[in-house]
């Protein structure tokens, strides 16, 4: 007989969590290659790529696919607290709004910036919202790791704000912040999948690990069938 414990994290979340940052980076590279006008990735944002030239559809598709991956990961990552999953899903919804309201139209600028800022903030809060001391929680969701990750992500978001208002490296700050934030759910999924590996094996092996104690405090060793036959009657 075999004892098996199912996984609490859907297997496909590993794909969606990895695809979220990968799709965004890949779309940015392809959109930049399709652009015929000058573009500075250090000072100009991904939103500029989504609103300029022939590569705008590539970047817009990248926004949409990355957002969809975030939503899927939020659905499948059942091992973390619901509040963290809601924050991740909120970030995905903000990403869809970013794609739907490009900066090519002046009327869309306010909505686009609000959604982009909301996505960065929501992703920065995912670690602390998923923090837990429960033994079954992935190690990266324990208080020390979660608080450290939150501080790092919040610092990156503040860097983006500084560059948007006073700096000249907004493009670099946005890229590093977005990729780092999207990498956190992937880290959680990897550790959660490792902790959720099914436990399989003969039932006798499982029972042997829980042998009852004898009155003198020792552990009673399992008896074979021969031992039971030859044992004196009580």
C-alpha atoms as a PDB file:
ATOM      1  CA  UNK A   1       0.000   0.000   0.000  1.00  0.00           C
ATOM      2  CA  UNK A   2       1.276   3.487  -0.860  1.00  0.00           C
ATOM      3  CA  UNK A   3       0.732   6.720   1.055  1.00  0.00           C
ATOM      4  CA  UNK A   4       0.747   9.861  -1.107  1.00  0.00           C
ATOM      5  CA  UNK A   5       0.334  13.513  -0.213  1.00  0.00           C
ATOM      6  CA  UNK A   6      -0.775  15.820  -3.050  1.00  0.00           C
ATOM      7  CA  UNK A   7       0.906  19.104  -3.913  1.00  0.00           C
ATOM      8  CA  UNK A   8      -0.714  22.366  -2.817  1.00  0.00           C
ATOM      9  CA  UNK A   9       0.938  24.338  -5.627  1.00  0.00           C
ATOM     10  CA  UNK A  10      -0.238  23.737  -9.183  1.00  0.00           C
ATOM     11  CA  UNK A  11       2.555  22.452 -11.410  1.00  0.00           C
ATOM     12  CA  UNK A  12       1.866  24.948 -14.175  1.00  0.00           C
ATOM     13  CA  UNK A  13       2.579  27.878 -11.852  1.00  0.00           C
ATOM     14  CA  UNK A  14       6.274  27.210 -12.406  1.00  0.00           C
ATOM     15  CA  UNK A  15       5.744  27.968 -16.104  1.00  0.00           C
ATOM     16  CA  UNK A  16       3.599  31.063 -15.600  1.00  0.00           C
ATOM     17  CA  UNK A  17       5.831  32.498 -12.870  1.00  0.00           C
ATOM     18  CA  UNK A  18       8.924  32.085 -15.054  1.00  0.00           C
ATOM     19  CA  UNK A  19       7.153  33.426 -18.141  1.00  0.00           C
ATOM     20  CA  UNK A  20       6.005  36.681 -16.490  1.00  0.00           C
ATOM     21  CA  UNK A  21       9.466  38.348 -16.412  1.00  0.00           C
ATOM     22  CA  UNK A  22      10.798  36.432 -19.425  1.00  0.00           C
ATOM     23  CA  UNK A  23       7.976  37.573 -21.700  1.00  0.00           C
ATOM     24  CA  UNK A  24       8.415  41.184 -20.616  1.00  0.00           C
ATOM     25  CA  UNK A  25      12.159  41.155 -21.287  1.00  0.00           C
ATOM     26  CA  UNK A  26      11.759  39.304 -24.583  1.00  0.00           C
ATOM     27  CA  UNK A  27       9.075  41.687 -25.811  1.00  0.00           C
ATOM     28  CA  UNK A  28      11.257  44.682 -24.938  1.00  0.00           C
ATOM     29  CA  UNK A  29      14.172  43.253 -26.929  1.00  0.00           C
ATOM     30  CA  UNK A  30      12.011  42.461 -29.960  1.00  0.00           C
ATOM     31  CA  UNK A  31      10.206  45.805 -29.858  1.00  0.00           C
ATOM     32  CA  UNK A  32      13.518  47.658 -29.633  1.00  0.00           C
ATOM     33  CA  UNK A  33      14.796  45.721 -32.635  1.00  0.00           C
ATOM     34  CA  UNK A  34      11.711  46.598 -34.680  1.00  0.00           C
ATOM     35  CA  UNK A  35      11.964  50.294 -33.816  1.00  0.00           C
ATOM     36  CA  UNK A  36      13.391  52.482 -36.578  1.00  0.00           C
ATOM     37  CA  UNK A  37      13.684  55.691 -34.547  1.00  0.00           C
ATOM     38  CA  UNK A  38      16.171  56.484 -31.804  1.00  0.00           C
ATOM     39  CA  UNK A  39      15.489  55.045 -28.373  1.00  0.00           C
ATOM     40  CA  UNK A  40      17.520  55.128 -25.152  1.00  0.00           C
ATOM     41  CA  UNK A  41      16.695  52.176 -22.861  1.00  0.00           C
ATOM     42  CA  UNK A  42      18.500  53.837 -19.950  1.00  0.00           C
ATOM     43  CA  UNK A  43      16.281  56.908 -19.876  1.00  0.00           C
ATOM     44  CA  UNK A  44      13.117  55.843 -21.720  1.00  0.00           C
ATOM     45  CA  UNK A  45      10.569  53.407 -20.335  1.00  0.00           C
ATOM     46  CA  UNK A  46       8.938  50.294 -21.727  1.00  0.00           C
ATOM     47  CA  UNK A  47       5.757  52.311 -22.107  1.00  0.00           C
ATOM     48  CA  UNK A  48       7.529  54.430 -24.706  1.00  0.00           C
ATOM     49  CA  UNK A  49       8.244  51.258 -26.686  1.00  0.00           C
ATOM     50  CA  UNK A  50       4.553  50.360 -26.476  1.00  0.00           C
ATOM     51  CA  UNK A  51       3.578  53.721 -27.910  1.00  0.00           C
ATOM     52  CA  UNK A  52       6.110  54.291 -30.659  1.00  0.00           C
ATOM     53  CA  UNK A  53       6.765  52.852 -34.111  1.00  0.00           C
ATOM     54  CA  UNK A  54       6.184  49.401 -35.507  1.00  0.00           C
ATOM     55  CA  UNK A  55       7.338  47.679 -32.339  1.00  0.00           C
ATOM     56  CA  UNK A  56       4.515  49.063 -30.217  1.00  0.00           C
ATOM     57  CA  UNK A  57       2.309  46.016 -30.822  1.00  0.00           C
ATOM     58  CA  UNK A  58       5.093  43.700 -29.701  1.00  0.00           C
ATOM     59  CA  UNK A  59       5.548  45.574 -26.426  1.00  0.00           C
ATOM     60  CA  UNK A  60       1.798  45.821 -25.880  1.00  0.00           C
ATOM     61  CA  UNK A  61       1.470  42.068 -26.385  1.00  0.00           C
ATOM     62  CA  UNK A  62       4.324  41.596 -23.911  1.00  0.00           C
ATOM     63  CA  UNK A  63       2.480  43.656 -21.303  1.00  0.00           C
ATOM     64  CA  UNK A  64      -0.678  41.605 -21.799  1.00  0.00           C
ATOM     65  CA  UNK A  65       1.023  38.202 -21.699  1.00  0.00           C
ATOM     66  CA  UNK A  66       3.082  39.092 -18.639  1.00  0.00           C
ATOM     67  CA  UNK A  67      -0.049  40.328 -16.859  1.00  0.00           C
ATOM     68  CA  UNK A  68      -1.928  37.153 -17.784  1.00  0.00           C
ATOM     69  CA  UNK A  69       0.926  35.073 -16.353  1.00  0.00           C
ATOM     70  CA  UNK A  70       0.722  37.009 -13.095  1.00  0.00           C
ATOM     71  CA  UNK A  71      -3.006  36.303 -12.855  1.00  0.00           C
ATOM     72  CA  UNK A  72      -2.448  32.614 -13.540  1.00  0.00           C
ATOM     73  CA  UNK A  73       0.318  32.405 -10.936  1.00  0.00           C
ATOM     74  CA  UNK A  74      -1.935  34.066  -8.364  1.00  0.00           C
ATOM     75  CA  UNK A  75      -4.577  31.419  -9.024  1.00  0.00           C
ATOM     76  CA  UNK A  76      -2.223  28.447  -8.753  1.00  0.00           C
ATOM     77  CA  UNK A  77       0.024  29.518  -5.873  1.00  0.00           C
ATOM     78  CA  UNK A  78      -2.256  28.176  -3.169  1.00  0.00           C
ATOM     79  CA  UNK A  79       0.548  27.653  -0.654  1.00  0.00           C
ATOM     80  CA  UNK A  80       0.799  31.373   0.228  1.00  0.00           C
ATOM     81  CA  UNK A  81      -1.706  33.560   2.040  1.00  0.00           C
ATOM     82  CA  UNK A  82      -4.734  34.826   0.142  1.00  0.00           C
ATOM     83  CA  UNK A  83      -3.741  38.463   0.637  1.00  0.00           C
ATOM     84  CA  UNK A  84      -0.488  37.897  -1.282  1.00  0.00           C
ATOM     85  CA  UNK A  85      -2.354  36.189  -4.110  1.00  0.00           C
ATOM     86  CA  UNK A  86      -4.809  39.089  -4.280  1.00  0.00           C
ATOM     87  CA  UNK A  87      -1.912  41.555  -4.503  1.00  0.00           C
ATOM     88  CA  UNK A  88      -0.350  39.530  -7.321  1.00  0.00           C
ATOM     89  CA  UNK A  89      -3.679  39.354  -9.146  1.00  0.00           C
ATOM     90  CA  UNK A  90      -4.127  43.105  -8.671  1.00  0.00           C
ATOM     91  CA  UNK A  91      -0.729  43.667 -10.255  1.00  0.00           C
ATOM     92  CA  UNK A  92      -1.799  41.522 -13.193  1.00  0.00           C
ATOM     93  CA  UNK A  93      -4.986  43.548 -13.643  1.00  0.00           C
ATOM     94  CA  UNK A  94      -2.951  46.765 -13.553  1.00  0.00           C
ATOM     95  CA  UNK A  95      -0.704  45.300 -16.241  1.00  0.00           C
ATOM     96  CA  UNK A  96      -3.709  44.711 -18.476  1.00  0.00           C
ATOM     97  CA  UNK A  97      -4.763  48.334 -17.971  1.00  0.00           C
ATOM     98  CA  UNK A  98      -1.243  49.469 -18.898  1.00  0.00           C
ATOM     99  CA  UNK A  99      -1.538  47.533 -22.158  1.00  0.00           C
ATOM    100  CA  UNK A 100      -5.062  48.796 -22.865  1.00  0.00           C
ATOM    101  CA  UNK A 101      -4.220  52.480 -22.353  1.00  0.00           C
ATOM    102  CA  UNK A 102      -0.937  53.241 -24.179  1.00  0.00           C
ATOM    103  CA  UNK A 103       0.736  56.615 -23.860  1.00  0.00           C
ATOM    104  CA  UNK A 104       0.255  57.307 -27.583  1.00  0.00           C
ATOM    105  CA  UNK A 105      -2.993  59.088 -26.719  1.00  0.00           C
ATOM    106  CA  UNK A 106      -2.620  62.060 -24.379  1.00  0.00           C
ATOM    107  CA  UNK A 107      -5.919  61.254 -22.684  1.00  0.00           C
ATOM    108  CA  UNK A 108      -4.521  57.862 -21.643  1.00  0.00           C
ATOM    109  CA  UNK A 109      -1.425  59.168 -19.868  1.00  0.00           C
ATOM    110  CA  UNK A 110      -3.041  59.558 -16.445  1.00  0.00           C
ATOM    111  CA  UNK A 111      -4.673  56.125 -16.513  1.00  0.00           C
ATOM    112  CA  UNK A 112      -1.502  54.511 -17.850  1.00  0.00           C
ATOM    113  CA  UNK A 113       0.735  56.033 -15.177  1.00  0.00           C
ATOM    114  CA  UNK A 114      -1.728  55.212 -12.392  1.00  0.00           C
ATOM    115  CA  UNK A 115      -1.929  51.578 -13.496  1.00  0.00           C
ATOM    116  CA  UNK A 116       1.848  51.283 -13.918  1.00  0.00           C
ATOM    117  CA  UNK A 117       2.463  52.712 -10.456  1.00  0.00           C
ATOM    118  CA  UNK A 118      -0.216  50.503  -8.962  1.00  0.00           C
ATOM    119  CA  UNK A 119       1.388  47.415 -10.471  1.00  0.00           C
ATOM    120  CA  UNK A 120       4.820  48.236  -9.057  1.00  0.00           C
ATOM    121  CA  UNK A 121       3.402  48.926  -5.589  1.00  0.00           C
ATOM    122  CA  UNK A 122       1.232  45.790  -5.573  1.00  0.00           C
ATOM    123  CA  UNK A 123       4.168  43.587  -6.563  1.00  0.00           C
ATOM    124  CA  UNK A 124       6.348  45.167  -3.868  1.00  0.00           C
ATOM    125  CA  UNK A 125       3.772  44.205  -1.222  1.00  0.00           C
ATOM    126  CA  UNK A 126       3.495  40.551  -2.261  1.00  0.00           C
ATOM    127  CA  UNK A 127       6.343  39.304   0.005  1.00  0.00           C
ATOM    128  CA  UNK A 128       5.085  40.911   3.220  1.00  0.00           C
ATOM    129  CA  UNK A 129       1.468  39.971   2.513  1.00  0.00           C
ATOM    130  CA  UNK A 130       2.563  36.373   2.039  1.00  0.00           C
ATOM    131  CA  UNK A 131       4.655  36.317   5.214  1.00  0.00           C
ATOM    132  CA  UNK A 132       3.854  33.485   7.603  1.00  0.00           C
ATOM    133  CA  UNK A 133       5.472  31.499  10.403  1.00  0.00           C
ATOM    134  CA  UNK A 134       3.474  28.343   9.740  1.00  0.00           C
ATOM    135  CA  UNK A 135       5.849  25.340   9.415  1.00  0.00           C
ATOM    136  CA  UNK A 136       4.375  24.362   6.045  1.00  0.00           C
ATOM    137  CA  UNK A 137       5.118  27.802   4.596  1.00  0.00           C
ATOM    138  CA  UNK A 138       7.989  27.952   2.046  1.00  0.00           C
ATOM    139  CA  UNK A 139      11.225  29.180   3.691  1.00  0.00           C
ATOM    140  CA  UNK A 140      11.280  32.359   1.586  1.00  0.00           C
ATOM    141  CA  UNK A 141       7.899  33.356   3.047  1.00  0.00           C
ATOM    142  CA  UNK A 142       9.168  33.267   6.630  1.00  0.00           C
ATOM    143  CA  UNK A 143       9.323  36.694   8.336  1.00  0.00           C
ATOM    144  CA  UNK A 144      13.050  37.334   7.894  1.00  0.00           C
ATOM    145  CA  UNK A 145      13.126  36.597   4.158  1.00  0.00           C
ATOM    146  CA  UNK A 146       9.762  38.228   3.460  1.00  0.00           C
ATOM    147  CA  UNK A 147      10.641  41.455   5.263  1.00  0.00           C
ATOM    148  CA  UNK A 148      14.022  41.650   3.532  1.00  0.00           C
ATOM    149  CA  UNK A 149      12.441  41.131   0.124  1.00  0.00           C
ATOM    150  CA  UNK A 150       9.807  43.774   0.844  1.00  0.00           C
ATOM    151  CA  UNK A 151      12.431  46.337   1.856  1.00  0.00           C
ATOM    152  CA  UNK A 152      14.443  45.672  -1.299  1.00  0.00           C
ATOM    153  CA  UNK A 153      11.417  45.915  -3.583  1.00  0.00           C
ATOM    154  CA  UNK A 154      10.143  49.072  -1.892  1.00  0.00           C
ATOM    155  CA  UNK A 155      13.580  50.646  -2.278  1.00  0.00           C
ATOM    156  CA  UNK A 156      13.482  49.848  -5.994  1.00  0.00           C
ATOM    157  CA  UNK A 157      10.023  51.416  -6.319  1.00  0.00           C
ATOM    158  CA  UNK A 158      11.302  54.565  -4.594  1.00  0.00           C
ATOM    159  CA  UNK A 159      14.207  54.597  -7.045  1.00  0.00           C
ATOM    160  CA  UNK A 160      11.738  54.554  -9.939  1.00  0.00           C
ATOM    161  CA  UNK A 161       9.854  57.467  -8.385  1.00  0.00           C
ATOM    162  CA  UNK A 162      13.072  59.427  -7.927  1.00  0.00           C
ATOM    163  CA  UNK A 163      14.154  58.835 -11.519  1.00  0.00           C
ATOM    164  CA  UNK A 164      10.697  59.821 -12.790  1.00  0.00           C
ATOM    165  CA  UNK A 165      10.815  63.140 -10.941  1.00  0.00           C
ATOM    166  CA  UNK A 166      14.492  64.099 -10.722  1.00  0.00           C
ATOM    167  CA  UNK A 167      16.720  61.493 -12.365  1.00  0.00           C
ATOM    168  CA  UNK A 168      17.813  60.572 -15.870  1.00  0.00           C
ATOM    169  CA  UNK A 169      17.829  56.765 -15.654  1.00  0.00           C
ATOM    170  CA  UNK A 170      14.102  56.076 -15.502  1.00  0.00           C
ATOM    171  CA  UNK A 171      14.308  53.331 -18.127  1.00  0.00           C
ATOM    172  CA  UNK A 172      16.996  51.450 -16.222  1.00  0.00           C
ATOM    173  CA  UNK A 173      15.200  51.825 -12.888  1.00  0.00           C
ATOM    174  CA  UNK A 174      11.901  50.641 -14.353  1.00  0.00           C
ATOM    175  CA  UNK A 175      13.426  47.577 -15.993  1.00  0.00           C
ATOM    176  CA  UNK A 176      15.392  46.426 -12.947  1.00  0.00           C
ATOM    177  CA  UNK A 177      12.440  47.007 -10.632  1.00  0.00           C
ATOM    178  CA  UNK A 178       9.906  45.228 -12.843  1.00  0.00           C
ATOM    179  CA  UNK A 179      12.100  42.178 -13.447  1.00  0.00           C
ATOM    180  CA  UNK A 180      13.097  41.890  -9.779  1.00  0.00           C
ATOM    181  CA  UNK A 181       9.496  42.148  -8.608  1.00  0.00           C
ATOM    182  CA  UNK A 182       8.301  39.578 -11.133  1.00  0.00           C
ATOM    183  CA  UNK A 183      11.107  37.228 -10.091  1.00  0.00           C
ATOM    184  CA  UNK A 184       9.841  36.997  -6.498  1.00  0.00           C
ATOM    185  CA  UNK A 185       6.732  34.885  -7.302  1.00  0.00           C
ATOM    186  CA  UNK A 186       9.020  32.545  -9.253  1.00  0.00           C
ATOM    187  CA  UNK A 187      11.279  32.120  -6.212  1.00  0.00           C
ATOM    188  CA  UNK A 188       8.248  31.353  -4.041  1.00  0.00           C
ATOM    189  CA  UNK A 189       6.929  28.817  -6.551  1.00  0.00           C
ATOM    190  CA  UNK A 190      10.283  27.015  -6.735  1.00  0.00           C
ATOM    191  CA  UNK A 191      10.546  26.674  -2.953  1.00  0.00           C
ATOM    192  CA  UNK A 192       6.872  25.767  -2.647  1.00  0.00           C
ATOM    193  CA  UNK A 193       7.191  23.019  -5.248  1.00  0.00           C
ATOM    194  CA  UNK A 194      10.208  21.592  -3.439  1.00  0.00           C
ATOM    195  CA  UNK A 195       8.284  21.551  -0.172  1.00  0.00           C
ATOM    196  CA  UNK A 196       5.198  20.070  -1.835  1.00  0.00           C
ATOM    197  CA  UNK A 197       6.887  17.008  -3.341  1.00  0.00           C
ATOM    198  CA  UNK A 198       4.540  14.017  -2.916  1.00  0.00           C
ATOM    199  CA  UNK A 199       5.495  11.577  -0.165  1.00  0.00           C
ATOM    200  CA  UNK A 200       5.265   8.015  -1.486  1.00  0.00           C
ATOM    201  CA  UNK A 201       6.371   4.700  -0.072  1.00  0.00           C
ATOM    202  CA  UNK A 202       5.179   1.438   1.490  1.00  0.00           C
ATOM    203  CA  UNK A 203       2.789   1.904   4.375  1.00  0.00           C
ATOM    204  CA  UNK A 204       4.968  -0.334   6.555  1.00  0.00           C
ATOM    205  CA  UNK A 205       7.848   2.066   6.183  1.00  0.00           C
ATOM    206  CA  UNK A 206       5.676   4.952   7.302  1.00  0.00           C
ATOM    207  CA  UNK A 207       4.294   3.040  10.295  1.00  0.00           C
ATOM    208  CA  UNK A 208       7.788   1.968  11.373  1.00  0.00           C
ATOM    209  CA  UNK A 209       8.751   5.612  11.815  1.00  0.00           C
ATOM    210  CA  UNK A 210       6.002   5.985  14.376  1.00  0.00           C
ATOM    211  CA  UNK A 211       6.685   2.917  16.539  1.00  0.00           C
ATOM    212  CA  UNK A 212       5.008   3.181  19.961  1.00  0.00           C
ATOM    213  CA  UNK A 213       7.125   3.752  23.029  1.00  0.00           C
ATOM    214  CA  UNK A 214       7.669   1.125  25.698  1.00  0.00           C
ATOM    215  CA  UNK A 215       6.894   1.867  29.357  1.00  0.00           C
ATOM    216  CA  UNK A 216      10.581   2.492  30.111  1.00  0.00           C
ATOM    217  CA  UNK A 217      10.725   5.297  27.532  1.00  0.00           C
ATOM    218  CA  UNK A 218      12.412   3.340  24.725  1.00  0.00           C
ATOM    219  CA  UNK A 219      11.038   2.725  21.265  1.00  0.00           C
ATOM    220  CA  UNK A 220       9.422  -0.590  20.526  1.00  0.00           C
ATOM    221  CA  UNK A 221      10.955  -2.064  17.388  1.00  0.00           C
ATOM    222  CA  UNK A 222       8.628  -3.543  14.765  1.00  0.00           C
ATOM    223  CA  UNK A 223       8.156  -7.342  15.133  1.00  0.00           C
ATOM    224  CA  UNK A 224       8.362  -9.684  12.221  1.00  0.00           C
ATOM    225  CA  UNK A 225       5.862 -12.501  11.714  1.00  0.00           C
ATOM    226  CA  UNK A 226       8.430 -15.026  13.015  1.00  0.00           C
ATOM    227  CA  UNK A 227       8.972 -12.988  16.170  1.00  0.00           C
ATOM    228  CA  UNK A 228       5.253 -12.925  16.823  1.00  0.00           C
ATOM    229  CA  UNK A 229       4.950 -16.741  16.461  1.00  0.00           C
ATOM    230  CA  UNK A 230       7.891 -17.470  18.763  1.00  0.00           C
ATOM    231  CA  UNK A 231       7.019 -14.849  21.360  1.00  0.00           C
ATOM    232  CA  UNK A 232       5.721 -16.260  24.680  1.00  0.00           C
ATOM    233  CA  UNK A 233       2.081 -15.770  25.421  1.00  0.00           C
ATOM    234  CA  UNK A 234       1.284 -12.951  27.820  1.00  0.00           C
END
